[in-house]
Amino acid sequence: MPADGGAARQLTTPDAAQGERGHWWPQF
């Protein structure tokens, strides 16, 4: 999302088939 606010863009979705449940602690 822009740092000033606005529309959000989904970047990732956990891959349940690979056992993924959540995506946490992002770091640029």
PDB file of all heavy atoms in Angstrom:
ATOM      1  N   MET A   1       0.848  -1.183   0.000  1.00  0.00           N
ATOM      2  CA  MET A   1       0.000   0.000   0.000  1.00  0.00           C
ATOM      3  C   MET A   1       0.888   1.239   0.000  1.00  0.00           C
ATOM      4  O   MET A   1       1.954   1.244   0.631  1.00  0.00           O
ATOM      5  CB  MET A   1      -0.899  -0.009   1.239  1.00  0.00           C
ATOM      6  CG  MET A   1      -1.814   1.190   1.370  1.00  0.00           C
ATOM      7  SD  MET A   1      -2.830   1.081   2.879  1.00  0.00           S
ATOM      8  CE  MET A   1      -3.873  -0.311   2.445  1.00  0.00           C
ATOM      9  N   PRO A   2       0.486   2.329  -0.693  1.00  0.00           N
ATOM     10  CA  PRO A   2       1.256   3.573  -0.599  1.00  0.00           C
ATOM     11  C   PRO A   2       1.352   4.050   0.841  1.00  0.00           C
ATOM     12  O   PRO A   2       0.407   3.895   1.621  1.00  0.00           O
ATOM     13  CB  PRO A   2       0.443   4.557  -1.451  1.00  0.00           C
ATOM     14  CG  PRO A   2      -0.346   3.706  -2.396  1.00  0.00           C
ATOM     15  CD  PRO A   2      -0.648   2.451  -1.637  1.00  0.00           C
ATOM     16  N   ALA A   3       2.495   4.612   1.212  1.00  0.00           N
ATOM     17  CA  ALA A   3       2.697   5.053   2.593  1.00  0.00           C
ATOM     18  C   ALA A   3       1.737   6.172   2.987  1.00  0.00           C
ATOM     19  O   ALA A   3       1.530   6.409   4.186  1.00  0.00           O
ATOM     20  CB  ALA A   3       4.140   5.527   2.780  1.00  0.00           C
ATOM     21  N   ASP A   4       1.152   6.859   2.018  1.00  0.00           N
ATOM     22  CA  ASP A   4       0.157   7.891   2.309  1.00  0.00           C
ATOM     23  C   ASP A   4      -1.263   7.340   2.337  1.00  0.00           C
ATOM     24  O   ASP A   4      -2.215   8.090   2.552  1.00  0.00           O
ATOM     25  CB  ASP A   4       0.237   9.007   1.256  1.00  0.00           C
ATOM     26  CG  ASP A   4       1.533   9.786   1.355  1.00  0.00           C
ATOM     27  OD1 ASP A   4       2.027   9.965   2.497  1.00  0.00           O
ATOM     28  OD2 ASP A   4       2.068  10.194   0.319  1.00  0.00           O
ATOM     29  N   GLY A   5      -1.407   6.037   2.110  1.00  0.00           N
ATOM     30  CA  GLY A   5      -2.729   5.423   2.068  1.00  0.00           C
ATOM     31  C   GLY A   5      -3.214   5.277   0.642  1.00  0.00           C
ATOM     32  O   GLY A   5      -2.686   5.891  -0.289  1.00  0.00           O
ATOM     33  N   GLY A   6      -4.211   4.472   0.458  1.00  0.00           N
ATOM     34  CA  GLY A   6      -4.755   4.242  -0.876  1.00  0.00           C
ATOM     35  C   GLY A   6      -5.085   2.779  -1.075  1.00  0.00           C
ATOM     36  O   GLY A   6      -5.223   2.018  -0.115  1.00  0.00           O
ATOM     37  N   ALA A   7      -5.215   2.406  -2.344  1.00  0.00           N
ATOM     38  CA  ALA A   7      -5.604   1.041  -2.667  1.00  0.00           C
ATOM     39  C   ALA A   7      -4.463   0.068  -2.368  1.00  0.00           C
ATOM     40  O   ALA A   7      -3.296   0.349  -2.637  1.00  0.00           O
ATOM     41  CB  ALA A   7      -6.002   0.944  -4.135  1.00  0.00           C
ATOM     42  N   ALA A   8      -4.812  -1.077  -1.784  1.00  0.00           N
ATOM     43  CA  ALA A   8      -3.832  -2.114  -1.480  1.00  0.00           C
ATOM     44  C   ALA A   8      -3.709  -3.071  -2.669  1.00  0.00           C
ATOM     45  O   ALA A   8      -4.675  -3.310  -3.398  1.00  0.00           O
ATOM     46  CB  ALA A   8      -4.233  -2.866  -0.223  1.00  0.00           C
ATOM     47  N   ARG A   9      -2.526  -3.623  -2.818  1.00  0.00           N
ATOM     48  CA  ARG A   9      -2.271  -4.617  -3.858  1.00  0.00           C
ATOM     49  C   ARG A   9      -1.804  -5.915  -3.198  1.00  0.00           C
ATOM     50  O   ARG A   9      -0.822  -5.913  -2.455  1.00  0.00           O
ATOM     51  CB  ARG A   9      -1.199  -4.097  -4.824  1.00  0.00           C
ATOM     52  CG  ARG A   9      -0.789  -5.080  -5.908  1.00  0.00           C
ATOM     53  CD  ARG A   9       0.092  -4.407  -6.939  1.00  0.00           C
ATOM     54  NE  ARG A   9       1.425  -4.110  -6.450  1.00  0.00           N
ATOM     55  CZ  ARG A   9       2.529  -4.808  -6.758  1.00  0.00           C
ATOM     56  NH1 ARG A   9       2.438  -5.853  -7.572  1.00  0.00           N
ATOM     57  NH2 ARG A   9       3.699  -4.461  -6.284  1.00  0.00           N
ATOM     58  N   GLN A  10      -2.539  -7.001  -3.445  1.00  0.00           N
ATOM     59  CA  GLN A  10      -2.144  -8.282  -2.869  1.00  0.00           C
ATOM     60  C   GLN A  10      -0.885  -8.783  -3.576  1.00  0.00           C
ATOM     61  O   GLN A  10      -0.814  -8.819  -4.808  1.00  0.00           O
ATOM     62  CB  GLN A  10      -3.271  -9.302  -3.026  1.00  0.00           C
ATOM     63  CG  GLN A  10      -3.077 -10.576  -2.234  1.00  0.00           C
ATOM     64  CD  GLN A  10      -3.226 -10.380  -0.732  1.00  0.00           C
ATOM     65  OE1 GLN A  10      -3.956  -9.505  -0.288  1.00  0.00           O
ATOM     66  NE2 GLN A  10      -2.526 -11.202   0.048  1.00  0.00           N
ATOM     67  N   LEU A  11       0.115  -9.168  -2.789  1.00  0.00           N
ATOM     68  CA  LEU A  11       1.389  -9.617  -3.346  1.00  0.00           C
ATOM     69  C   LEU A  11       1.551 -11.127  -3.312  1.00  0.00           C
ATOM     70  O   LEU A  11       2.055 -11.713  -4.272  1.00  0.00           O
ATOM     71  CB  LEU A  11       2.555  -8.973  -2.581  1.00  0.00           C
ATOM     72  CG  LEU A  11       2.648  -7.456  -2.610  1.00  0.00           C
ATOM     73  CD1 LEU A  11       3.810  -6.990  -1.726  1.00  0.00           C
ATOM     74  CD2 LEU A  11       2.847  -6.964  -4.033  1.00  0.00           C
ATOM     75  N   THR A  12       1.166 -11.751  -2.206  1.00  0.00           N
ATOM     76  CA  THR A  12       1.339 -13.196  -2.071  1.00  0.00           C
ATOM     77  C   THR A  12       0.109 -13.832  -1.442  1.00  0.00           C
ATOM     78  O   THR A  12      -0.649 -13.174  -0.724  1.00  0.00           O
ATOM     79  CB  THR A  12       2.560 -13.545  -1.190  1.00  0.00           C
ATOM     80  OG1 THR A  12       2.297 -13.146   0.163  1.00  0.00           O
ATOM     81  CG2 THR A  12       3.823 -12.866  -1.689  1.00  0.00           C
ATOM     82  N   THR A  13      -0.040 -15.106  -1.715  1.00  0.00           N
ATOM     83  CA  THR A  13      -1.063 -15.937  -1.079  1.00  0.00           C
ATOM     84  C   THR A  13      -0.401 -17.238  -0.663  1.00  0.00           C
ATOM     85  O   THR A  13       0.264 -17.875  -1.484  1.00  0.00           O
ATOM     86  CB  THR A  13      -2.225 -16.234  -2.043  1.00  0.00           C
ATOM     87  OG1 THR A  13      -2.825 -15.002  -2.450  1.00  0.00           O
ATOM     88  CG2 THR A  13      -3.275 -17.104  -1.367  1.00  0.00           C
ATOM     89  N   PRO A  14      -0.525 -17.640   0.597  1.00  0.00           N
ATOM     90  CA  PRO A  14       0.104 -18.886   1.023  1.00  0.00           C
ATOM     91  C   PRO A  14      -0.343 -20.073   0.176  1.00  0.00           C
ATOM     92  O   PRO A  14      -1.532 -20.209  -0.148  1.00  0.00           O
ATOM     93  CB  PRO A  14      -0.359 -19.036   2.473  1.00  0.00           C
ATOM     94  CG  PRO A  14      -0.655 -17.638   2.921  1.00  0.00           C
ATOM     95  CD  PRO A  14      -1.187 -16.940   1.723  1.00  0.00           C
ATOM     96  N   ASP A  15       0.624 -20.922  -0.179  1.00  0.00           N
ATOM     97  CA  ASP A  15       0.364 -22.092  -1.006  1.00  0.00           C
ATOM     98  C   ASP A  15       0.014 -23.267  -0.090  1.00  0.00           C
ATOM     99  O   ASP A  15       0.894 -23.942   0.454  1.00  0.00           O
ATOM    100  CB  ASP A  15       1.607 -22.417  -1.850  1.00  0.00           C
ATOM    101  CG  ASP A  15       1.355 -23.524  -2.867  1.00  0.00           C
ATOM    102  OD1 ASP A  15       0.322 -24.218  -2.754  1.00  0.00           O
ATOM    103  OD2 ASP A  15       2.200 -23.709  -3.762  1.00  0.00           O
ATOM    104  N   ALA A  16      -1.278 -23.519   0.057  1.00  0.00           N
ATOM    105  CA  ALA A  16      -1.726 -24.568   0.979  1.00  0.00           C
ATOM    106  C   ALA A  16      -1.214 -25.938   0.554  1.00  0.00           C
ATOM    107  O   ALA A  16      -0.949 -26.801   1.398  1.00  0.00           O
ATOM    108  CB  ALA A  16      -3.250 -24.580   1.060  1.00  0.00           C
ATOM    109  N   ALA A  17      -1.062 -26.167  -0.747  1.00  0.00           N
ATOM    110  CA  ALA A  17      -0.580 -27.458  -1.228  1.00  0.00           C
ATOM    111  C   ALA A  17       0.842 -27.737  -0.772  1.00  0.00           C
ATOM    112  O   ALA A  17       1.256 -28.890  -0.670  1.00  0.00           O
ATOM    113  CB  ALA A  17      -0.663 -27.513  -2.752  1.00  0.00           C
ATOM    114  N   GLN A  18       1.620 -26.681  -0.488  1.00  0.00           N
ATOM    115  CA  GLN A  18       2.981 -26.819   0.006  1.00  0.00           C
ATOM    116  C   GLN A  18       3.065 -26.696   1.526  1.00  0.00           C
ATOM    117  O   GLN A  18       4.157 -26.574   2.085  1.00  0.00           O
ATOM    118  CB  GLN A  18       3.878 -25.759  -0.648  1.00  0.00           C
ATOM    119  CG  GLN A  18       3.982 -25.878  -2.161  1.00  0.00           C
ATOM    120  CD  GLN A  18       4.583 -27.213  -2.582  1.00  0.00           C
ATOM    121  OE1 GLN A  18       5.567 -27.668  -2.003  1.00  0.00           O
ATOM    122  NE2 GLN A  18       3.997 -27.820  -3.609  1.00  0.00           N
ATOM    123  N   GLY A  19       1.905 -26.692   2.188  1.00  0.00           N
ATOM    124  CA  GLY A  19       1.883 -26.608   3.640  1.00  0.00           C
ATOM    125  C   GLY A  19       2.023 -25.204   4.184  1.00  0.00           C
ATOM    126  O   GLY A  19       2.210 -25.018   5.396  1.00  0.00           O
ATOM    127  N   GLU A  20       1.922 -24.176   3.320  1.00  0.00           N
ATOM    128  CA  GLU A  20       2.058 -22.796   3.777  1.00  0.00           C
ATOM    129  C   GLU A  20       0.754 -22.325   4.431  1.00  0.00           C
ATOM    130  O   GLU A  20      -0.331 -22.563   3.912  1.00  0.00           O
ATOM    131  CB  GLU A  20       2.411 -21.882   2.607  1.00  0.00           C
ATOM    132  CG  GLU A  20       3.749 -22.216   1.970  1.00  0.00           C
ATOM    133  CD  GLU A  20       4.122 -21.262   0.837  1.00  0.00           C
ATOM    134  OE1 GLU A  20       3.392 -20.258   0.643  1.00  0.00           O
ATOM    135  OE2 GLU A  20       5.129 -21.515   0.173  1.00  0.00           O
ATOM    136  N   ARG A  21       0.897 -21.622   5.552  1.00  0.00           N
ATOM    137  CA  ARG A  21      -0.265 -21.139   6.278  1.00  0.00           C
ATOM    138  C   ARG A  21      -0.340 -19.616   6.315  1.00  0.00           C
ATOM    139  O   ARG A  21      -1.413 -19.033   6.290  1.00  0.00           O
ATOM    140  CB  ARG A  21      -0.249 -21.673   7.715  1.00  0.00           C
ATOM    141  CG  ARG A  21      -0.106 -23.157   7.840  1.00  0.00           C
ATOM    142  CD  ARG A  21      -1.408 -23.857   7.683  1.00  0.00           C
ATOM    143  NE  ARG A  21      -2.375 -23.446   8.690  1.00  0.00           N
ATOM    144  CZ  ARG A  21      -3.431 -24.159   9.036  1.00  0.00           C
ATOM    145  NH1 ARG A  21      -3.641 -25.322   8.481  1.00  0.00           N
ATOM    146  NH2 ARG A  21      -4.284 -23.729   9.938  1.00  0.00           N
ATOM    147  N   GLY A  22       0.812 -18.944   6.443  1.00  0.00           N
ATOM    148  CA  GLY A  22       0.823 -17.487   6.521  1.00  0.00           C
ATOM    149  C   GLY A  22       2.166 -16.924   6.113  1.00  0.00           C
ATOM    150  O   GLY A  22       3.192 -17.614   6.180  1.00  0.00           O
ATOM    151  N   HIS A  23       2.170 -15.672   5.666  1.00  0.00           N
ATOM    152  CA  HIS A  23       3.386 -14.958   5.287  1.00  0.00           C
ATOM    153  C   HIS A  23       3.568 -13.783   6.245  1.00  0.00           C
ATOM    154  O   HIS A  23       2.714 -12.910   6.329  1.00  0.00           O
ATOM    155  CB  HIS A  23       3.294 -14.472   3.837  1.00  0.00           C
ATOM    156  CG  HIS A  23       3.287 -15.589   2.841  1.00  0.00           C
ATOM    157  ND1 HIS A  23       2.939 -15.412   1.513  1.00  0.00           N
ATOM    158  CD2 HIS A  23       3.588 -16.912   2.983  1.00  0.00           C
ATOM    159  CE1 HIS A  23       3.032 -16.575   0.881  1.00  0.00           C
ATOM    160  NE2 HIS A  23       3.414 -17.499   1.759  1.00  0.00           N
ATOM    161  N   TRP A  24       4.694 -13.772   6.974  1.00  0.00           N
ATOM    162  CA  TRP A  24       4.916 -12.849   8.087  1.00  0.00           C
ATOM    163  C   TRP A  24       6.214 -12.070   7.927  1.00  0.00           C
ATOM    164  O   TRP A  24       7.080 -12.406   7.142  1.00  0.00           O
ATOM    165  CB  TRP A  24       4.995 -13.609   9.400  1.00  0.00           C
ATOM    166  CG  TRP A  24       3.803 -14.408   9.791  1.00  0.00           C
ATOM    167  CD1 TRP A  24       2.576 -14.450   9.193  1.00  0.00           C
ATOM    168  CD2 TRP A  24       3.729 -15.313  10.903  1.00  0.00           C
ATOM    169  NE1 TRP A  24       1.745 -15.300   9.863  1.00  0.00           N
ATOM    170  CE2 TRP A  24       2.426 -15.854  10.917  1.00  0.00           C
ATOM    171  CE3 TRP A  24       4.620 -15.708  11.886  1.00  0.00           C
ATOM    172  CZ2 TRP A  24       2.009 -16.781  11.873  1.00  0.00           C
ATOM    173  CZ3 TRP A  24       4.203 -16.619  12.846  1.00  0.00           C
ATOM    174  CH2 TRP A  24       2.917 -17.144  12.826  1.00  0.00           C
ATOM    175  N   TRP A  25       6.361 -11.046   8.767  1.00  0.00           N
ATOM    176  CA  TRP A  25       7.601 -10.295   8.985  1.00  0.00           C
ATOM    177  C   TRP A  25       8.322  -9.898   7.684  1.00  0.00           C
ATOM    178  O   TRP A  25       9.487 -10.255   7.475  1.00  0.00           O
ATOM    179  CB  TRP A  25       8.554 -11.089   9.887  1.00  0.00           C
ATOM    180  CG  TRP A  25       8.079 -11.241  11.291  1.00  0.00           C
ATOM    181  CD1 TRP A  25       7.539 -10.286  12.099  1.00  0.00           C
ATOM    182  CD2 TRP A  25       8.082 -12.451  12.070  1.00  0.00           C
ATOM    183  NE1 TRP A  25       7.222 -10.815  13.328  1.00  0.00           N
ATOM    184  CE2 TRP A  25       7.543 -12.136  13.345  1.00  0.00           C
ATOM    185  CE3 TRP A  25       8.513 -13.747  11.821  1.00  0.00           C
ATOM    186  CZ2 TRP A  25       7.416 -13.083  14.346  1.00  0.00           C
ATOM    187  CZ3 TRP A  25       8.371 -14.684  12.822  1.00  0.00           C
ATOM    188  CH2 TRP A  25       7.835 -14.356  14.060  1.00  0.00           C
ATOM    189  N   PRO A  26       7.666  -9.152   6.808  1.00  0.00           N
ATOM    190  CA  PRO A  26       8.352  -8.729   5.578  1.00  0.00           C
ATOM    191  C   PRO A  26       9.463  -7.718   5.874  1.00  0.00           C
ATOM    192  O   PRO A  26       9.365  -6.933   6.823  1.00  0.00           O
ATOM    193  CB  PRO A  26       7.227  -8.098   4.762  1.00  0.00           C
ATOM    194  CG  PRO A  26       6.238  -7.617   5.792  1.00  0.00           C
ATOM    195  CD  PRO A  26       6.296  -8.630   6.897  1.00  0.00           C
ATOM    196  N   GLN A  27      10.524  -7.747   5.067  1.00  0.00           N
ATOM    197  CA  GLN A  27      11.634  -6.795   5.157  1.00  0.00           C
ATOM    198  C   GLN A  27      12.087  -6.439   3.740  1.00  0.00           C
ATOM    199  O   GLN A  27      12.483  -7.321   2.968  1.00  0.00           O
ATOM    200  CB  GLN A  27      12.818  -7.401   5.926  1.00  0.00           C
ATOM    201  CG  GLN A  27      12.574  -7.608   7.404  1.00  0.00           C
ATOM    202  CD  GLN A  27      12.638  -6.295   8.180  1.00  0.00           C
ATOM    203  OE1 GLN A  27      13.400  -5.397   7.837  1.00  0.00           O
ATOM    204  NE2 GLN A  27      11.839  -6.208   9.233  1.00  0.00           N
ATOM    205  N   PHE A  28      12.012  -5.137   3.387  1.00  0.00           N
ATOM    206  CA  PHE A  28      12.512  -4.708   2.079  1.00  0.00           C
ATOM    207  C   PHE A  28      14.015  -4.942   1.996  1.00  0.00           C
ATOM    208  O   PHE A  28      14.762  -4.688   2.961  1.00  0.00           O
ATOM    209  CB  PHE A  28      12.232  -3.219   1.858  1.00  0.00           C
ATOM    210  CG  PHE A  28      10.948  -2.949   1.119  1.00  0.00           C
ATOM    211  CD1 PHE A  28       9.849  -2.425   1.785  1.00  0.00           C
ATOM    212  CD2 PHE A  28      10.849  -3.205  -0.237  1.00  0.00           C
ATOM    213  CE1 PHE A  28       8.670  -2.169   1.113  1.00  0.00           C
ATOM    214  CE2 PHE A  28       9.675  -2.950  -0.928  1.00  0.00           C
ATOM    215  CZ  PHE A  28       8.583  -2.431  -0.250  1.00  0.00           C
TER     216      PHE A  28
END
